[in-house]
Amino acid sequence: MVLLGVGALALKGYAFVDALRVPTQAFPAAGKLTKPIWLGILGVAVLVEIAVFPTPLFFVNLLGVVGAAVYLVDVRPAVRAIGGGRRDSNTHDGPYGPW
């Protein structure tokens, strides 16, 4: 049960931090819910996970896992395609422009 709790916390935490890094305008441009809504969903999911850590199969906790999974599988690729988040590592851009 502890391993399930740690895995759920890692999944939700990763999704939350990733959502923080994506520009606000990328969400509506990709046709998804806004950034504050996703941060709210994922933030509440992380808080619930921390609050009920010994019982990872708690119903509300499972809803948080589903929310994080939806973000990572559906929303994250869509906002990345729009240009949200980090740049592609194959570009030749330095800290002050292309080289």
PDB file of N, CA and C in Angstrom:
ATOM      1  N   MET A   1       0.824  -1.191   0.000  1.00  0.00           N
ATOM      2  CA  MET A   1       0.000   0.000   0.000  1.00  0.00           C
ATOM      3  C   MET A   1       0.870   1.258   0.000  1.00  0.00           C
ATOM      4  N   VAL A   2       1.978   1.176   0.692  1.00  0.00           N
ATOM      5  CA  VAL A   2       2.867   2.334   0.728  1.00  0.00           C
ATOM      6  C   VAL A   2       3.430   2.617  -0.661  1.00  0.00           C
ATOM      7  N   LEU A   3       3.764   1.567  -1.400  1.00  0.00           N
ATOM      8  CA  LEU A   3       4.283   1.763  -2.754  1.00  0.00           C
ATOM      9  C   LEU A   3       3.227   2.396  -3.666  1.00  0.00           C
ATOM     10  N   LEU A   4       1.969   1.991  -3.506  1.00  0.00           N
ATOM     11  CA  LEU A   4       0.900   2.624  -4.281  1.00  0.00           C
ATOM     12  C   LEU A   4       0.777   4.103  -3.923  1.00  0.00           C
ATOM     13  N   GLY A   5       0.888   4.411  -2.638  1.00  0.00           N
ATOM     14  CA  GLY A   5       0.811   5.801  -2.200  1.00  0.00           C
ATOM     15  C   GLY A   5       1.951   6.638  -2.740  1.00  0.00           C
ATOM     16  N   VAL A   6       3.144   6.092  -2.704  1.00  0.00           N
ATOM     17  CA  VAL A   6       4.314   6.818  -3.224  1.00  0.00           C
ATOM     18  C   VAL A   6       4.185   7.015  -4.734  1.00  0.00           C
ATOM     19  N   GLY A   7       3.732   5.986  -5.435  1.00  0.00           N
ATOM     20  CA  GLY A   7       3.548   6.100  -6.879  1.00  0.00           C
ATOM     21  C   GLY A   7       2.496   7.133  -7.245  1.00  0.00           C
ATOM     22  N   ALA A   8       1.387   7.133  -6.504  1.00  0.00           N
ATOM     23  CA  ALA A   8       0.320   8.104  -6.765  1.00  0.00           C
ATOM     24  C   ALA A   8       0.803   9.519  -6.476  1.00  0.00           C
ATOM     25  N   LEU A   9       1.544   9.687  -5.393  1.00  0.00           N
ATOM     26  CA  LEU A   9       2.066  11.014  -5.062  1.00  0.00           C
ATOM     27  C   LEU A   9       3.057  11.489  -6.115  1.00  0.00           C
ATOM     28  N   ALA A  10       3.903  10.598  -6.601  1.00  0.00           N
ATOM     29  CA  ALA A  10       4.869  10.967  -7.635  1.00  0.00           C
ATOM     30  C   ALA A  10       4.151  11.360  -8.933  1.00  0.00           C
ATOM     31  N   LEU A  11       3.139  10.593  -9.324  1.00  0.00           N
ATOM     32  CA  LEU A  11       2.384  10.895 -10.538  1.00  0.00           C
ATOM     33  C   LEU A  11       1.709  12.259 -10.433  1.00  0.00           C
ATOM     34  N   LYS A  12       1.033  12.502  -9.332  1.00  0.00           N
ATOM     35  CA  LYS A  12       0.319  13.766  -9.146  1.00  0.00           C
ATOM     36  C   LYS A  12       1.285  14.936  -9.021  1.00  0.00           C
ATOM     37  N   GLY A  13       2.366  14.731  -8.301  1.00  0.00           N
ATOM     38  CA  GLY A  13       3.355  15.802  -8.147  1.00  0.00           C
ATOM     39  C   GLY A  13       4.004  16.174  -9.471  1.00  0.00           C
ATOM     40  N   TYR A  14       4.348  15.174 -10.268  1.00  0.00           N
ATOM     41  CA  TYR A  14       4.941  15.436 -11.573  1.00  0.00           C
ATOM     42  C   TYR A  14       3.979  16.198 -12.473  1.00  0.00           C
ATOM     43  N   ALA A  15       2.716  15.775 -12.478  1.00  0.00           N
ATOM     44  CA  ALA A  15       1.714  16.449 -13.309  1.00  0.00           C
ATOM     45  C   ALA A  15       1.529  17.895 -12.862  1.00  0.00           C
ATOM     46  N   PHE A  16       1.509  18.135 -11.553  1.00  0.00           N
ATOM     47  CA  PHE A  16       1.329  19.487 -11.030  1.00  0.00           C
ATOM     48  C   PHE A  16       2.501  20.389 -11.407  1.00  0.00           C
ATOM     49  N   VAL A  17       3.710  19.902 -11.220  1.00  0.00           N
ATOM     50  CA  VAL A  17       4.897  20.703 -11.554  1.00  0.00           C
ATOM     51  C   VAL A  17       4.967  20.957 -13.053  1.00  0.00           C
ATOM     52  N   ASP A  18       4.609  19.970 -13.855  1.00  0.00           N
ATOM     53  CA  ASP A  18       4.605  20.159 -15.299  1.00  0.00           C
ATOM     54  C   ASP A  18       3.588  21.220 -15.709  1.00  0.00           C
ATOM     55  N   ALA A  19       2.410  21.195 -15.085  1.00  0.00           N
ATOM     56  CA  ALA A  19       1.387  22.193 -15.396  1.00  0.00           C
ATOM     57  C   ALA A  19       1.848  23.592 -14.996  1.00  0.00           C
ATOM     58  N   LEU A  20       2.626  23.699 -13.934  1.00  0.00           N
ATOM     59  CA  LEU A  20       3.162  25.005 -13.525  1.00  0.00           C
ATOM     60  C   LEU A  20       4.093  25.579 -14.583  1.00  0.00           C
ATOM     61  N   ARG A  21       4.829  24.728 -15.277  1.00  0.00           N
ATOM     62  CA  ARG A  21       5.843  25.170 -16.223  1.00  0.00           C
ATOM     63  C   ARG A  21       5.294  25.563 -17.591  1.00  0.00           C
ATOM     64  N   VAL A  22       4.070  25.173 -17.884  1.00  0.00           N
ATOM     65  CA  VAL A  22       3.478  25.457 -19.197  1.00  0.00           C
ATOM     66  C   VAL A  22       2.909  26.874 -19.196  1.00  0.00           C
ATOM     67  N   PRO A  23       3.145  27.652 -20.253  1.00  0.00           N
ATOM     68  CA  PRO A  23       2.587  29.007 -20.324  1.00  0.00           C
ATOM     69  C   PRO A  23       1.057  28.997 -20.289  1.00  0.00           C
ATOM     70  N   THR A  24       0.491  30.011 -19.682  1.00  0.00           N
ATOM     71  CA  THR A  24      -0.956  30.096 -19.499  1.00  0.00           C
ATOM     72  C   THR A  24      -1.703  30.074 -20.827  1.00  0.00           C
ATOM     73  N   GLN A  25      -1.200  30.752 -21.831  1.00  0.00           N
ATOM     74  CA  GLN A  25      -1.911  30.852 -23.108  1.00  0.00           C
ATOM     75  C   GLN A  25      -1.883  29.550 -23.904  1.00  0.00           C
ATOM     76  N   ALA A  26      -1.045  28.581 -23.545  1.00  0.00           N
ATOM     77  CA  ALA A  26      -0.971  27.330 -24.291  1.00  0.00           C
ATOM     78  C   ALA A  26      -2.200  26.448 -24.065  1.00  0.00           C
ATOM     79  N   PHE A  27      -2.826  26.559 -22.905  1.00  0.00           N
ATOM     80  CA  PHE A  27      -3.985  25.717 -22.611  1.00  0.00           C
ATOM     81  C   PHE A  27      -5.179  26.043 -23.507  1.00  0.00           C
ATOM     82  N   PRO A  28      -5.638  27.317 -23.547  1.00  0.00           N
ATOM     83  CA  PRO A  28      -6.763  27.601 -24.441  1.00  0.00           C
ATOM     84  C   PRO A  28      -6.395  27.431 -25.913  1.00  0.00           C
ATOM     85  N   ALA A  29      -5.145  27.680 -26.266  1.00  0.00           N
ATOM     86  CA  ALA A  29      -4.729  27.518 -27.660  1.00  0.00           C
ATOM     87  C   ALA A  29      -4.818  26.051 -28.089  1.00  0.00           C
ATOM     88  N   ALA A  30      -4.649  25.141 -27.147  1.00  0.00           N
ATOM     89  CA  ALA A  30      -4.747  23.714 -27.445  1.00  0.00           C
ATOM     90  C   ALA A  30      -6.182  23.205 -27.304  1.00  0.00           C
ATOM     91  N   GLY A  31      -7.107  24.083 -26.918  1.00  0.00           N
ATOM     92  CA  GLY A  31      -8.498  23.684 -26.760  1.00  0.00           C
ATOM     93  C   GLY A  31      -8.770  22.928 -25.473  1.00  0.00           C
ATOM     94  N   LYS A  32      -7.968  23.170 -24.453  1.00  0.00           N
ATOM     95  CA  LYS A  32      -8.114  22.478 -23.170  1.00  0.00           C
ATOM     96  C   LYS A  32      -8.610  23.463 -22.111  1.00  0.00           C
ATOM     97  N   LEU A  33      -8.930  22.930 -20.924  1.00  0.00           N
ATOM     98  CA  LEU A  33      -9.306  23.795 -19.806  1.00  0.00           C
ATOM     99  C   LEU A  33      -8.159  24.746 -19.499  1.00  0.00           C
ATOM    100  N   THR A  34      -8.453  25.832 -18.800  1.00  0.00           N
ATOM    101  CA  THR A  34      -7.432  26.837 -18.524  1.00  0.00           C
ATOM    102  C   THR A  34      -6.413  26.332 -17.509  1.00  0.00           C
ATOM    103  N   LYS A  35      -5.297  27.020 -17.443  1.00  0.00           N
ATOM    104  CA  LYS A  35      -4.231  26.648 -16.525  1.00  0.00           C
ATOM    105  C   LYS A  35      -4.681  26.698 -15.069  1.00  0.00           C
ATOM    106  N   PRO A  36      -5.401  27.754 -14.613  1.00  0.00           N
ATOM    107  CA  PRO A  36      -5.830  27.742 -13.207  1.00  0.00           C
ATOM    108  C   PRO A  36      -6.738  26.560 -12.850  1.00  0.00           C
ATOM    109  N   ILE A  37      -7.556  26.130 -13.790  1.00  0.00           N
ATOM    110  CA  ILE A  37      -8.424  24.977 -13.510  1.00  0.00           C
ATOM    111  C   ILE A  37      -7.580  23.712 -13.353  1.00  0.00           C
ATOM    112  N   TRP A  38      -6.622  23.502 -14.255  1.00  0.00           N
ATOM    113  CA  TRP A  38      -5.766  22.312 -14.133  1.00  0.00           C
ATOM    114  C   TRP A  38      -4.901  22.367 -12.890  1.00  0.00           C
ATOM    115  N   LEU A  39      -4.390  23.546 -12.552  1.00  0.00           N
ATOM    116  CA  LEU A  39      -3.605  23.656 -11.326  1.00  0.00           C
ATOM    117  C   LEU A  39      -4.473  23.371 -10.109  1.00  0.00           C
ATOM    118  N   GLY A  40      -5.724  23.794 -10.134  1.00  0.00           N
ATOM    119  CA  GLY A  40      -6.633  23.500  -9.035  1.00  0.00           C
ATOM    120  C   GLY A  40      -6.909  22.013  -8.911  1.00  0.00           C
ATOM    121  N   ILE A  41      -7.200  21.372 -10.029  1.00  0.00           N
ATOM    122  CA  ILE A  41      -7.469  19.929 -10.018  1.00  0.00           C
ATOM    123  C   ILE A  41      -6.263  19.167  -9.494  1.00  0.00           C
ATOM    124  N   LEU A  42      -5.101  19.467 -10.042  1.00  0.00           N
ATOM    125  CA  LEU A  42      -3.896  18.728  -9.660  1.00  0.00           C
ATOM    126  C   LEU A  42      -3.426  19.095  -8.258  1.00  0.00           C
ATOM    127  N   GLY A  43      -3.583  20.347  -7.870  1.00  0.00           N
ATOM    128  CA  GLY A  43      -3.197  20.767  -6.517  1.00  0.00           C
ATOM    129  C   GLY A  43      -4.048  20.104  -5.454  1.00  0.00           C
ATOM    130  N   VAL A  44      -5.354  20.050  -5.681  1.00  0.00           N
ATOM    131  CA  VAL A  44      -6.242  19.366  -4.732  1.00  0.00           C
ATOM    132  C   VAL A  44      -5.906  17.881  -4.697  1.00  0.00           C
ATOM    133  N   ALA A  45      -5.587  17.302  -5.853  1.00  0.00           N
ATOM    134  CA  ALA A  45      -5.226  15.883  -5.901  1.00  0.00           C
ATOM    135  C   ALA A  45      -3.976  15.611  -5.069  1.00  0.00           C
ATOM    136  N   VAL A  46      -2.978  16.485  -5.152  1.00  0.00           N
ATOM    137  CA  VAL A  46      -1.758  16.308  -4.368  1.00  0.00           C
ATOM    138  C   VAL A  46      -2.065  16.461  -2.877  1.00  0.00           C
ATOM    139  N   LEU A  47      -2.866  17.454  -2.526  1.00  0.00           N
ATOM    140  CA  LEU A  47      -3.202  17.661  -1.110  1.00  0.00           C
ATOM    141  C   LEU A  47      -3.995  16.483  -0.541  1.00  0.00           C
ATOM    142  N   VAL A  48      -4.926  15.954  -1.312  1.00  0.00           N
ATOM    143  CA  VAL A  48      -5.689  14.791  -0.851  1.00  0.00           C
ATOM    144  C   VAL A  48      -4.756  13.594  -0.684  1.00  0.00           C
ATOM    145  N   GLU A  49      -3.829  13.422  -1.611  1.00  0.00           N
ATOM    146  CA  GLU A  49      -2.870  12.329  -1.510  1.00  0.00           C
ATOM    147  C   GLU A  49      -2.051  12.437  -0.231  1.00  0.00           C
ATOM    148  N   ILE A  50      -1.601  13.625   0.083  1.00  0.00           N
ATOM    149  CA  ILE A  50      -0.818  13.829   1.306  1.00  0.00           C
ATOM    150  C   ILE A  50      -1.682  13.580   2.542  1.00  0.00           C
ATOM    151  N   ALA A  51      -2.933  14.017   2.497  1.00  0.00           N
ATOM    152  CA  ALA A  51      -3.820  13.887   3.655  1.00  0.00           C
ATOM    153  C   ALA A  51      -4.209  12.434   3.937  1.00  0.00           C
ATOM    154  N   VAL A  52      -4.412  11.645   2.897  1.00  0.00           N
ATOM    155  CA  VAL A  52      -4.857  10.261   3.093  1.00  0.00           C
ATOM    156  C   VAL A  52      -3.789   9.273   2.638  1.00  0.00           C
ATOM    157  N   PHE A  53      -2.536   9.617   2.836  1.00  0.00           N
ATOM    158  CA  PHE A  53      -1.422   8.803   2.341  1.00  0.00           C
ATOM    159  C   PHE A  53      -1.510   7.329   2.746  1.00  0.00           C
ATOM    160  N   PRO A  54      -1.885   6.992   3.970  1.00  0.00           N
ATOM    161  CA  PRO A  54      -1.921   5.557   4.303  1.00  0.00           C
ATOM    162  C   PRO A  54      -2.990   4.770   3.548  1.00  0.00           C
ATOM    163  N   THR A  55      -3.955   5.449   2.933  1.00  0.00           N
ATOM    164  CA  THR A  55      -5.024   4.742   2.210  1.00  0.00           C
ATOM    165  C   THR A  55      -5.077   5.212   0.757  1.00  0.00           C
ATOM    166  N   PRO A  56      -4.169   4.726  -0.101  1.00  0.00           N
ATOM    167  CA  PRO A  56      -4.136   5.198  -1.485  1.00  0.00           C
ATOM    168  C   PRO A  56      -5.341   4.760  -2.313  1.00  0.00           C
ATOM    169  N   LEU A  57      -6.127   3.812  -1.846  1.00  0.00           N
ATOM    170  CA  LEU A  57      -7.285   3.357  -2.598  1.00  0.00           C
ATOM    171  C   LEU A  57      -8.565   4.080  -2.191  1.00  0.00           C
ATOM    172  N   PHE A  58      -8.420   5.173  -1.457  1.00  0.00           N
ATOM    173  CA  PHE A  58      -9.553   6.020  -1.086  1.00  0.00           C
ATOM    174  C   PHE A  58     -10.158   6.591  -2.374  1.00  0.00           C
ATOM    175  N   PHE A  59     -11.506   6.632  -2.470  1.00  0.00           N
ATOM    176  CA  PHE A  59     -12.192   7.007  -3.711  1.00  0.00           C
ATOM    177  C   PHE A  59     -11.755   8.373  -4.249  1.00  0.00           C
ATOM    178  N   VAL A  60     -11.694   9.386  -3.387  1.00  0.00           N
ATOM    179  CA  VAL A  60     -11.304  10.729  -3.832  1.00  0.00           C
ATOM    180  C   VAL A  60      -9.849  10.726  -4.299  1.00  0.00           C
ATOM    181  N   ASN A  61      -9.035   9.911  -3.663  1.00  0.00           N
ATOM    182  CA  ASN A  61      -7.642   9.787  -4.068  1.00  0.00           C
ATOM    183  C   ASN A  61      -7.535   9.161  -5.457  1.00  0.00           C
ATOM    184  N   LEU A  62      -8.372   8.186  -5.736  1.00  0.00           N
ATOM    185  CA  LEU A  62      -8.372   7.572  -7.064  1.00  0.00           C
ATOM    186  C   LEU A  62      -8.825   8.564  -8.133  1.00  0.00           C
ATOM    187  N   LEU A  63      -9.766   9.437  -7.790  1.00  0.00           N
ATOM    188  CA  LEU A  63     -10.170  10.483  -8.741  1.00  0.00           C
ATOM    189  C   LEU A  63      -8.996  11.404  -9.070  1.00  0.00           C
ATOM    190  N   GLY A  64      -8.166  11.688  -8.085  1.00  0.00           N
ATOM    191  CA  GLY A  64      -6.975  12.502  -8.319  1.00  0.00           C
ATOM    192  C   GLY A  64      -5.987  11.819  -9.246  1.00  0.00           C
ATOM    193  N   VAL A  65      -5.838  10.511  -9.097  1.00  0.00           N
ATOM    194  CA  VAL A  65      -4.948   9.752  -9.984  1.00  0.00           C
ATOM    195  C   VAL A  65      -5.480   9.806 -11.411  1.00  0.00           C
ATOM    196  N   VAL A  66      -6.787   9.677 -11.569  1.00  0.00           N
ATOM    197  CA  VAL A  66      -7.391   9.759 -12.901  1.00  0.00           C
ATOM    198  C   VAL A  66      -7.179  11.156 -13.487  1.00  0.00           C
ATOM    199  N   GLY A  67      -7.354  12.201 -12.671  1.00  0.00           N
ATOM    200  CA  GLY A  67      -7.128  13.562 -13.144  1.00  0.00           C
ATOM    201  C   GLY A  67      -5.694  13.787 -13.605  1.00  0.00           C
ATOM    202  N   ALA A  68      -4.735  13.297 -12.825  1.00  0.00           N
ATOM    203  CA  ALA A  68      -3.328  13.432 -13.205  1.00  0.00           C
ATOM    204  C   ALA A  68      -3.024  12.639 -14.471  1.00  0.00           C
ATOM    205  N   ALA A  69      -3.615  11.467 -14.592  1.00  0.00           N
ATOM    206  CA  ALA A  69      -3.396  10.655 -15.794  1.00  0.00           C
ATOM    207  C   ALA A  69      -3.987  11.328 -17.029  1.00  0.00           C
ATOM    208  N   VAL A  70      -5.163  11.922 -16.893  1.00  0.00           N
ATOM    209  CA  VAL A  70      -5.774  12.639 -18.018  1.00  0.00           C
ATOM    210  C   VAL A  70      -4.889  13.808 -18.430  1.00  0.00           C
ATOM    211  N   TYR A  71      -4.364  14.531 -17.442  1.00  0.00           N
ATOM    212  CA  TYR A  71      -3.476  15.646 -17.770  1.00  0.00           C
ATOM    213  C   TYR A  71      -2.250  15.145 -18.540  1.00  0.00           C
ATOM    214  N   LEU A  72      -1.605  14.096 -18.035  1.00  0.00           N
ATOM    215  CA  LEU A  72      -0.362  13.633 -18.647  1.00  0.00           C
ATOM    216  C   LEU A  72      -0.577  12.973 -20.015  1.00  0.00           C
ATOM    217  N   VAL A  73      -1.710  12.322 -20.215  1.00  0.00           N
ATOM    218  CA  VAL A  73      -1.938  11.602 -21.467  1.00  0.00           C
ATOM    219  C   VAL A  73      -2.600  12.475 -22.535  1.00  0.00           C
ATOM    220  N   ASP A  74      -3.467  13.385 -22.125  1.00  0.00           N
ATOM    221  CA  ASP A  74      -4.230  14.169 -23.096  1.00  0.00           C
ATOM    222  C   ASP A  74      -3.791  15.630 -23.169  1.00  0.00           C
ATOM    223  N   VAL A  75      -3.736  16.304 -22.047  1.00  0.00           N
ATOM    224  CA  VAL A  75      -3.484  17.750 -22.037  1.00  0.00           C
ATOM    225  C   VAL A  75      -2.018  18.060 -22.304  1.00  0.00           C
ATOM    226  N   ARG A  76      -1.114  17.362 -21.649  1.00  0.00           N
ATOM    227  CA  ARG A  76       0.320  17.658 -21.788  1.00  0.00           C
ATOM    228  C   ARG A  76       0.796  17.563 -23.241  1.00  0.00           C
ATOM    229  N   PRO A  77       0.476  16.489 -23.982  1.00  0.00           N
ATOM    230  CA  PRO A  77       0.918  16.461 -25.383  1.00  0.00           C
ATOM    231  C   PRO A  77       0.304  17.575 -26.226  1.00  0.00           C
ATOM    232  N   ALA A  78      -0.937  17.950 -25.923  1.00  0.00           N
ATOM    233  CA  ALA A  78      -1.591  19.001 -26.709  1.00  0.00           C
ATOM    234  C   ALA A  78      -0.926  20.354 -26.479  1.00  0.00           C
ATOM    235  N   VAL A  79      -0.619  20.679 -25.233  1.00  0.00           N
ATOM    236  CA  VAL A  79       0.016  21.982 -24.981  1.00  0.00           C
ATOM    237  C   VAL A  79       1.475  21.974 -25.416  1.00  0.00           C
ATOM    238  N   ARG A  80       2.129  20.829 -25.390  1.00  0.00           N
ATOM    239  CA  ARG A  80       3.504  20.743 -25.905  1.00  0.00           C
ATOM    240  C   ARG A  80       3.519  20.971 -27.414  1.00  0.00           C
ATOM    241  N   ALA A  81       2.512  20.468 -28.110  1.00  0.00           N
ATOM    242  CA  ALA A  81       2.442  20.660 -29.559  1.00  0.00           C
ATOM    243  C   ALA A  81       2.230  22.125 -29.919  1.00  0.00           C
ATOM    244  N   ILE A  82       1.542  22.861 -29.059  1.00  0.00           N
ATOM    245  CA  ILE A  82       1.319  24.292 -29.279  1.00  0.00           C
ATOM    246  C   ILE A  82       2.606  25.071 -29.018  1.00  0.00           C
ATOM    247  N   GLY A  83       3.464  24.526 -28.207  1.00  0.00           N
ATOM    248  CA  GLY A  83       4.709  25.216 -27.892  1.00  0.00           C
ATOM    249  C   GLY A  83       4.856  25.523 -26.426  1.00  0.00           C
ATOM    250  N   GLY A  84       4.057  24.900 -25.594  1.00  0.00           N
ATOM    251  CA  GLY A  84       4.163  25.131 -24.163  1.00  0.00           C
ATOM    252  C   GLY A  84       5.278  24.315 -23.551  1.00  0.00           C
ATOM    253  N   GLY A  85       5.879  24.838 -22.513  1.00  0.00           N
ATOM    254  CA  GLY A  85       6.922  24.103 -21.797  1.00  0.00           C
ATOM    255  C   GLY A  85       8.296  24.350 -22.361  1.00  0.00           C
ATOM    256  N   ARG A  86       9.176  23.406 -22.077  1.00  0.00           N
ATOM    257  CA  ARG A  86      10.576  23.544 -22.477  1.00  0.00           C
ATOM    258  C   ARG A  86      10.749  23.439 -23.983  1.00  0.00           C
ATOM    259  N   ARG A  87      11.833  24.001 -24.460  1.00  0.00           N
ATOM    260  CA  ARG A  87      12.153  23.904 -25.878  1.00  0.00           C
ATOM    261  C   ARG A  87      12.708  22.529 -26.194  1.00  0.00           C
ATOM    262  N   ASP A  88      12.661  22.187 -27.460  1.00  0.00           N
ATOM    263  CA  ASP A  88      13.245  20.946 -27.907  1.00  0.00           C
ATOM    264  C   ASP A  88      14.761  21.023 -27.744  1.00  0.00           C
ATOM    265  N   SER A  89      15.373  19.979 -27.248  1.00  0.00           N
ATOM    266  CA  SER A  89      16.805  20.002 -26.986  1.00  0.00           C
ATOM    267  C   SER A  89      17.636  19.933 -28.264  1.00  0.00           C
ATOM    268  N   ASN A  90      17.017  19.698 -29.413  1.00  0.00           N
ATOM    269  CA  ASN A  90      17.751  19.603 -30.673  1.00  0.00           C
ATOM    270  C   ASN A  90      17.946  20.953 -31.352  1.00  0.00           C
ATOM    271  N   THR A  91      17.408  22.022 -30.805  1.00  0.00           N
ATOM    272  CA  THR A  91      17.584  23.332 -31.424  1.00  0.00           C
ATOM    273  C   THR A  91      18.966  23.873 -31.097  1.00  0.00           C
ATOM    274  N   HIS A  92      19.408  24.805 -31.882  1.00  0.00           N
ATOM    275  CA  HIS A  92      20.717  25.410 -31.663  1.00  0.00           C
ATOM    276  C   HIS A  92      20.556  26.791 -31.057  1.00  0.00           C
ATOM    277  N   ASP A  93      19.723  26.891 -30.050  1.00  0.00           N
ATOM    278  CA  ASP A  93      19.532  28.165 -29.371  1.00  0.00           C
ATOM    279  C   ASP A  93      20.339  28.178 -28.087  1.00  0.00           C
ATOM    280  N   GLY A  94      21.118  29.209 -27.932  1.00  0.00           N
ATOM    281  CA  GLY A  94      21.838  29.423 -26.691  1.00  0.00           C
ATOM    282  C   GLY A  94      21.020  30.325 -25.779  1.00  0.00           C
ATOM    283  N   PRO A  95      21.581  30.724 -24.660  1.00  0.00           N
ATOM    284  CA  PRO A  95      20.831  31.550 -23.713  1.00  0.00           C
ATOM    285  C   PRO A  95      20.526  32.941 -24.273  1.00  0.00           C
ATOM    286  N   TYR A  96      21.262  33.384 -25.306  1.00  0.00           N
ATOM    287  CA  TYR A  96      21.058  34.717 -25.864  1.00  0.00           C
ATOM    288  C   TYR A  96      20.611  34.681 -27.323  1.00  0.00           C
ATOM    289  N   GLY A  97      20.163  33.539 -27.802  1.00  0.00           N
ATOM    290  CA  GLY A  97      19.701  33.428 -29.175  1.00  0.00           C
ATOM    291  C   GLY A  97      20.385  32.274 -29.897  1.00  0.00           C
ATOM    292  N   PRO A  98      20.095  32.154 -31.207  1.00  0.00           N
ATOM    293  CA  PRO A  98      20.676  31.033 -31.958  1.00  0.00           C
ATOM    294  C   PRO A  98      22.173  31.197 -32.145  1.00  0.00           C
ATOM    295  N   TRP A  99      22.859  30.091 -32.331  1.00  0.00           N
ATOM    296  CA  TRP A  99      24.300  30.112 -32.592  1.00  0.00           C
ATOM    297  C   TRP A  99      24.624  29.246 -33.780  1.00  0.00           C
TER     298      TRP A  99
END
